[in-house]
């Protein structure tokens, strides 16, 4: 399985979207500062994830969620979760 995930940074209250085959291990890497793009933004909370059986589908979904339309979709989908943390 491929997982597309969205993290919420407790530090700057911004979202990070990524893709992985091992969600738990990747989350730990983010939490421990081992991912360059999120190194100084932790701690994080997983606020959303999707599972895909195909790697290309997962990467296409990640790309969409990073687009303007995808960000609007996430903000609408996660309205309550984002209000509770903000």
C-alpha atoms as a PDB file:
ATOM      1  CA  UNK A   1       0.000   0.000   0.000  1.00  0.00           C
ATOM      2  CA  UNK A   2       0.985   3.597  -0.618  1.00  0.00           C
ATOM      3  CA  UNK A   3      -0.208   6.244   1.805  1.00  0.00           C
ATOM      4  CA  UNK A   4      -0.817   9.895   1.035  1.00  0.00           C
ATOM      5  CA  UNK A   5      -0.771  11.784   4.312  1.00  0.00           C
ATOM      6  CA  UNK A   6      -1.243  15.274   5.676  1.00  0.00           C
ATOM      7  CA  UNK A   7       0.523  16.497   8.794  1.00  0.00           C
ATOM      8  CA  UNK A   8      -0.314  19.570  10.818  1.00  0.00           C
ATOM      9  CA  UNK A   9       2.637  21.390  12.365  1.00  0.00           C
ATOM     10  CA  UNK A  10       2.097  22.465  15.959  1.00  0.00           C
ATOM     11  CA  UNK A  11       4.826  25.049  15.524  1.00  0.00           C
ATOM     12  CA  UNK A  12       3.540  27.037  12.527  1.00  0.00           C
ATOM     13  CA  UNK A  13       0.022  25.552  12.187  1.00  0.00           C
ATOM     14  CA  UNK A  14       0.657  24.710   8.502  1.00  0.00           C
ATOM     15  CA  UNK A  15      -0.033  21.518   6.589  1.00  0.00           C
ATOM     16  CA  UNK A  16       2.530  19.203   5.016  1.00  0.00           C
ATOM     17  CA  UNK A  17       1.487  16.604   2.424  1.00  0.00           C
ATOM     18  CA  UNK A  18       3.578  13.543   1.606  1.00  0.00           C
ATOM     19  CA  UNK A  19       3.525   9.975   0.318  1.00  0.00           C
ATOM     20  CA  UNK A  20       5.043   6.783   1.763  1.00  0.00           C
ATOM     21  CA  UNK A  21       4.717   3.001   1.988  1.00  0.00           C
ATOM     22  CA  UNK A  22       5.138   2.974   5.784  1.00  0.00           C
ATOM     23  CA  UNK A  23       3.086   5.708   7.424  1.00  0.00           C
ATOM     24  CA  UNK A  24       4.178   5.001  11.002  1.00  0.00           C
ATOM     25  CA  UNK A  25       7.892   4.982  10.183  1.00  0.00           C
ATOM     26  CA  UNK A  26       7.598   8.127   8.065  1.00  0.00           C
ATOM     27  CA  UNK A  27       5.672   9.910  10.818  1.00  0.00           C
ATOM     28  CA  UNK A  28       8.454   9.051  13.274  1.00  0.00           C
ATOM     29  CA  UNK A  29      11.015  10.476  10.837  1.00  0.00           C
ATOM     30  CA  UNK A  30       9.054  13.726  10.707  1.00  0.00           C
ATOM     31  CA  UNK A  31       8.698  13.837  14.503  1.00  0.00           C
ATOM     32  CA  UNK A  32      12.418  13.252  15.090  1.00  0.00           C
ATOM     33  CA  UNK A  33      13.541  15.913  12.593  1.00  0.00           C
ATOM     34  CA  UNK A  34      15.013  13.492  10.049  1.00  0.00           C
ATOM     35  CA  UNK A  35      13.048  14.904   7.086  1.00  0.00           C
ATOM     36  CA  UNK A  36      14.757  17.964   5.600  1.00  0.00           C
ATOM     37  CA  UNK A  37      11.547  19.690   4.470  1.00  0.00           C
ATOM     38  CA  UNK A  38       9.944  19.533   7.934  1.00  0.00           C
ATOM     39  CA  UNK A  39      13.006  19.479  10.160  1.00  0.00           C
ATOM     40  CA  UNK A  40      12.250  22.643  12.140  1.00  0.00           C
ATOM     41  CA  UNK A  41       8.456  22.506  12.043  1.00  0.00           C
ATOM     42  CA  UNK A  42       7.590  19.718  14.506  1.00  0.00           C
ATOM     43  CA  UNK A  43       5.916  18.346  16.471  1.00  0.00           C
ATOM     44  CA  UNK A  44       3.260  17.100  14.074  1.00  0.00           C
ATOM     45  CA  UNK A  45      -0.149  15.520  14.114  1.00  0.00           C
ATOM     46  CA  UNK A  46      -1.477  13.275  11.344  1.00  0.00           C
ATOM     47  CA  UNK A  47      -4.751  14.948  10.392  1.00  0.00           C
ATOM     48  CA  UNK A  48      -5.551  12.997   7.210  1.00  0.00           C
ATOM     49  CA  UNK A  49      -4.398  10.031   5.166  1.00  0.00           C
ATOM     50  CA  UNK A  50      -5.534   7.914   2.246  1.00  0.00           C
ATOM     51  CA  UNK A  51      -4.395   4.455   1.164  1.00  0.00           C
ATOM     52  CA  UNK A  52      -3.780   3.564  -2.479  1.00  0.00           C
ATOM     53  CA  UNK A  53      -2.892   0.207  -3.968  1.00  0.00           C
ATOM     54  CA  UNK A  54      -0.987   1.759  -6.859  1.00  0.00           C
ATOM     55  CA  UNK A  55       2.121   3.910  -6.440  1.00  0.00           C
ATOM     56  CA  UNK A  56       1.334   6.148  -9.430  1.00  0.00           C
ATOM     57  CA  UNK A  57      -2.199   6.765  -8.155  1.00  0.00           C
ATOM     58  CA  UNK A  58      -0.782   7.783  -4.769  1.00  0.00           C
ATOM     59  CA  UNK A  59       1.719  10.203  -6.296  1.00  0.00           C
ATOM     60  CA  UNK A  60      -1.001  11.704  -8.509  1.00  0.00           C
ATOM     61  CA  UNK A  61      -3.209  12.166  -5.437  1.00  0.00           C
ATOM     62  CA  UNK A  62      -0.339  13.777  -3.508  1.00  0.00           C
ATOM     63  CA  UNK A  63       0.258  16.171  -6.405  1.00  0.00           C
ATOM     64  CA  UNK A  64      -3.452  17.052  -6.477  1.00  0.00           C
ATOM     65  CA  UNK A  65      -3.605  17.679  -2.715  1.00  0.00           C
ATOM     66  CA  UNK A  66      -0.649  20.063  -3.053  1.00  0.00           C
ATOM     67  CA  UNK A  67      -2.421  22.044  -5.796  1.00  0.00           C
ATOM     68  CA  UNK A  68      -4.739  24.990  -5.192  1.00  0.00           C
ATOM     69  CA  UNK A  69      -7.852  22.860  -5.702  1.00  0.00           C
ATOM     70  CA  UNK A  70      -6.431  20.135  -3.477  1.00  0.00           C
ATOM     71  CA  UNK A  71      -5.632  22.571  -0.672  1.00  0.00           C
ATOM     72  CA  UNK A  72      -9.199  23.884  -0.821  1.00  0.00           C
ATOM     73  CA  UNK A  73     -10.479  20.289  -0.693  1.00  0.00           C
ATOM     74  CA  UNK A  74      -8.361  19.556   2.393  1.00  0.00           C
ATOM     75  CA  UNK A  75      -9.347  22.738   4.195  1.00  0.00           C
ATOM     76  CA  UNK A  76     -13.009  21.966   3.572  1.00  0.00           C
ATOM     77  CA  UNK A  77     -12.588  18.280   4.501  1.00  0.00           C
ATOM     78  CA  UNK A  78     -10.635  19.084   7.676  1.00  0.00           C
ATOM     79  CA  UNK A  79     -12.619  22.166   8.724  1.00  0.00           C
ATOM     80  CA  UNK A  80     -13.314  20.947  12.259  1.00  0.00           C
ATOM     81  CA  UNK A  81      -9.836  19.520  12.882  1.00  0.00           C
ATOM     82  CA  UNK A  82      -8.169  22.740  11.730  1.00  0.00           C
ATOM     83  CA  UNK A  83     -10.452  24.949  13.841  1.00  0.00           C
ATOM     84  CA  UNK A  84      -9.765  22.899  16.967  1.00  0.00           C
ATOM     85  CA  UNK A  85      -6.000  23.302  16.543  1.00  0.00           C
ATOM     86  CA  UNK A  86      -6.018  26.983  15.520  1.00  0.00           C
END
